[in-house]
Amino acid sequence: MSADAVRVWLEDVMDPEIPVLNVNELGVVRDIVWSEGRLRVDVTPTYSGCPAARVIEAAIEARIREGGIDEVEVRRVLTPPWSSTWMRPEAREKLRAYRIVPPEPDRAGGTFPWSRPAPRIECPACGAPEPERVSEFGSTPCKAQYRCTRCLEPFEYFKCI
């Protein structure tokens, strides 16, 4: 079984907090390696304290076992930390369609988040610029809660990391 074949299986493993994205699109699957008859899958959560990390890891292991591989280890790797630049382009479009503003790929990494200029966020419902931030954290730590100042629609922004 090749690593590419296992990646195809992992397209069935959805992020439980953002159910329109699978783990490959989100970019959390770092490596798939065969070693001494055992399959190892390295996973980096979007945040080191991501509450969904264990659920994702268990779902990855279960999907691989469904595929007939019993010797599997899902290993959490925190260094280097996940970056929103690891998201596939199609993931950004799926987020937008789901009414979550995706992170801007050219704004992630490099400097500390608080030293970067504010993100360019438009309302996903009406396109109005300059929404108001309601909370630094949305339904998950990787998102912030916003509200459009034109249509008043609440929405989330997936932070650049």
Protein backbone atom coordinates (compact mmCIF):
# COMPACT_ATOMS: atom_id res chain seq x y z
CA MET A 1 0.00 0.00 0.00
CA SER A 2 1.49 3.33 -1.06
CA ALA A 3 1.39 6.58 0.89
CA ASP A 4 -0.59 8.10 -1.99
CA ALA A 5 -3.26 5.40 -1.64
CA VAL A 6 -3.50 6.10 2.10
CA ARG A 7 -3.89 9.83 1.37
CA VAL A 8 -6.86 8.98 -0.86
CA TRP A 9 -8.44 7.11 2.08
CA LEU A 10 -7.85 10.13 4.31
CA GLU A 11 -10.03 12.26 2.03
CA ASP A 12 -12.89 10.54 3.90
CA VAL A 13 -11.71 11.94 7.25
CA MET A 14 -13.41 15.27 7.80
CA ASP A 15 -12.44 17.89 10.36
CA PRO A 16 -15.15 17.58 13.06
CA GLU A 17 -15.14 21.34 13.65
CA ILE A 18 -15.19 22.31 9.97
CA PRO A 19 -17.04 19.43 8.30
CA VAL A 20 -16.53 20.71 4.76
CA LEU A 21 -12.77 20.07 4.93
CA ASN A 22 -10.95 16.77 5.04
CA VAL A 23 -7.62 16.40 6.81
CA ASN A 24 -5.66 16.52 3.55
CA GLU A 25 -7.27 19.78 2.43
CA LEU A 26 -6.69 21.29 5.85
CA GLY A 27 -3.01 20.33 5.61
CA VAL A 28 -2.76 18.59 8.99
CA VAL A 29 -1.41 15.29 7.58
CA ARG A 30 2.33 15.88 7.52
CA ASP A 31 3.77 12.55 6.51
CA ILE A 32 2.82 8.96 5.77
CA VAL A 33 5.68 6.52 6.20
CA TRP A 34 6.06 2.74 6.20
CA SER A 35 8.67 1.57 8.69
CA GLU A 36 9.35 -2.02 9.72
CA GLY A 37 5.94 -3.22 8.54
CA ARG A 38 4.09 -0.45 10.38
CA LEU A 39 2.36 2.57 8.88
CA ARG A 40 3.04 5.86 10.64
CA VAL A 41 0.96 8.95 9.96
CA ASP A 42 2.30 12.24 11.30
CA VAL A 43 -0.39 14.83 12.06
CA THR A 44 0.02 18.44 13.11
CA PRO A 45 -3.08 20.07 14.63
CA THR A 46 -3.97 23.61 13.62
CA TYR A 47 -3.30 24.65 17.23
CA SER A 48 -1.24 22.69 19.76
CA GLY A 49 -4.25 22.74 22.09
CA CYS A 50 -6.82 21.98 19.38
CA PRO A 51 -9.77 20.27 21.08
CA ALA A 52 -10.45 18.19 17.96
CA ALA A 53 -6.91 16.79 17.65
CA ARG A 54 -7.64 13.49 19.40
CA VAL A 55 -10.87 13.01 17.46
CA ILE A 56 -9.05 13.62 14.17
CA GLU A 57 -6.23 11.25 15.10
CA ALA A 58 -8.72 8.52 16.08
CA ALA A 59 -10.66 9.01 12.84
CA ILE A 60 -7.46 8.74 10.79
CA GLU A 61 -6.50 5.52 12.56
CA ALA A 62 -10.01 4.09 12.14
CA ARG A 63 -10.08 4.89 8.40
CA ILE A 64 -6.71 3.23 7.86
CA ARG A 65 -7.81 0.14 9.79
CA GLU A 66 -10.98 0.04 7.64
CA GLY A 67 -8.64 -0.13 4.66
CA GLY A 68 -7.10 -3.31 6.07
CA ILE A 69 -3.96 -1.99 7.73
CA ASP A 70 -3.77 -3.07 11.36
CA GLU A 71 -0.26 -1.92 12.19
CA VAL A 72 -0.74 1.84 12.30
CA GLU A 73 0.53 4.63 14.50
CA VAL A 74 -0.87 8.15 14.32
CA ARG A 75 1.71 10.48 15.77
CA ARG A 76 1.12 14.11 16.77
CA VAL A 77 3.96 16.34 15.56
CA LEU A 78 4.06 19.91 16.88
CA THR A 79 7.32 21.14 15.37
CA PRO A 80 7.24 23.00 13.13
CA PRO A 81 3.79 24.24 14.05
CA TRP A 82 0.96 24.06 11.53
CA SER A 83 0.63 27.03 9.22
CA SER A 84 -2.44 28.16 7.32
CA THR A 85 -0.19 28.16 4.23
CA TRP A 86 -0.45 24.34 4.37
CA MET A 87 -4.13 24.50 3.45
CA ARG A 88 -4.91 23.48 -0.09
CA PRO A 89 -6.38 26.17 -2.36
CA GLU A 90 -9.63 24.19 -2.68
CA ALA A 91 -9.94 24.27 1.11
CA ARG A 92 -10.04 28.06 1.05
CA GLU A 93 -12.85 27.98 -1.51
CA LYS A 94 -14.80 25.42 0.51
CA LEU A 95 -14.46 27.60 3.61
CA ARG A 96 -15.73 30.61 1.69
CA ALA A 97 -18.75 28.65 0.42
CA TYR A 98 -19.40 27.53 4.02
CA ARG A 99 -19.41 31.22 5.03
CA ILE A 100 -16.09 31.11 6.87
CA VAL A 101 -13.61 33.68 5.59
CA PRO A 102 -10.42 31.74 4.75
CA PRO A 103 -6.96 32.85 5.86
CA GLU A 104 -4.96 34.83 3.37
CA PRO A 105 -2.11 32.58 2.22
CA ASP A 106 0.38 35.43 1.82
CA ARG A 107 -0.11 36.66 5.40
CA ALA A 108 0.76 33.55 7.39
CA GLY A 109 4.03 32.53 8.99
CA GLY A 110 7.20 34.50 9.43
CA THR A 111 6.30 37.11 12.01
CA PHE A 112 4.25 37.03 15.16
CA PRO A 113 0.50 37.31 14.44
CA TRP A 114 0.13 40.41 16.63
CA SER A 115 2.84 42.24 14.66
CA ARG A 116 1.08 41.81 11.31
CA PRO A 117 -1.37 44.33 9.91
CA ALA A 118 -5.05 43.49 10.42
CA PRO A 119 -6.35 40.95 7.90
CA ARG A 120 -8.38 42.09 4.89
CA ILE A 121 -11.77 40.57 5.68
CA GLU A 122 -14.96 40.93 3.68
CA CYS A 123 -18.39 39.70 4.67
CA PRO A 124 -18.98 36.31 3.00
CA ALA A 125 -22.70 37.11 2.67
CA CYS A 126 -22.66 40.56 1.04
CA GLY A 127 -18.98 41.34 0.40
CA ALA A 128 -18.89 44.46 2.54
CA PRO A 129 -15.40 45.40 3.76
CA GLU A 130 -14.42 46.24 7.32
CA PRO A 131 -16.65 44.03 9.46
CA GLU A 132 -16.44 44.41 13.21
CA ARG A 133 -14.64 41.79 15.25
CA VAL A 134 -16.97 40.48 17.94
CA SER A 135 -14.50 38.09 19.55
CA GLU A 136 -10.89 37.00 19.03
CA PHE A 137 -12.18 33.43 19.26
CA GLY A 138 -15.07 31.89 17.38
CA SER A 139 -16.48 28.42 17.74
CA THR A 140 -12.88 27.12 17.79
CA PRO A 141 -9.53 28.72 18.76
CA CYS A 142 -8.44 28.83 15.11
CA LYS A 143 -11.30 31.17 14.16
CA ALA A 144 -12.41 34.67 15.19
CA GLN A 145 -16.02 35.86 15.29
CA TYR A 146 -17.04 38.84 13.14
CA ARG A 147 -20.24 40.67 12.21
CA CYS A 148 -20.88 42.57 9.01
CA THR A 149 -21.57 46.25 9.54
CA ARG A 150 -23.77 46.38 6.42
CA CYS A 151 -25.98 43.25 6.50
CA LEU A 152 -25.32 42.44 10.20
CA GLU A 153 -24.64 38.79 9.34
CA PRO A 154 -22.36 37.06 11.85
CA PHE A 155 -19.53 34.98 10.43
CA GLU A 156 -16.17 33.48 11.31
CA TYR A 157 -12.69 34.16 10.01
CA PHE A 158 -10.13 31.33 9.95
CA LYS A 159 -7.00 32.96 11.34
CA CYS A 160 -3.65 33.11 9.57
CA ILE A 161 -1.06 31.20 11.50
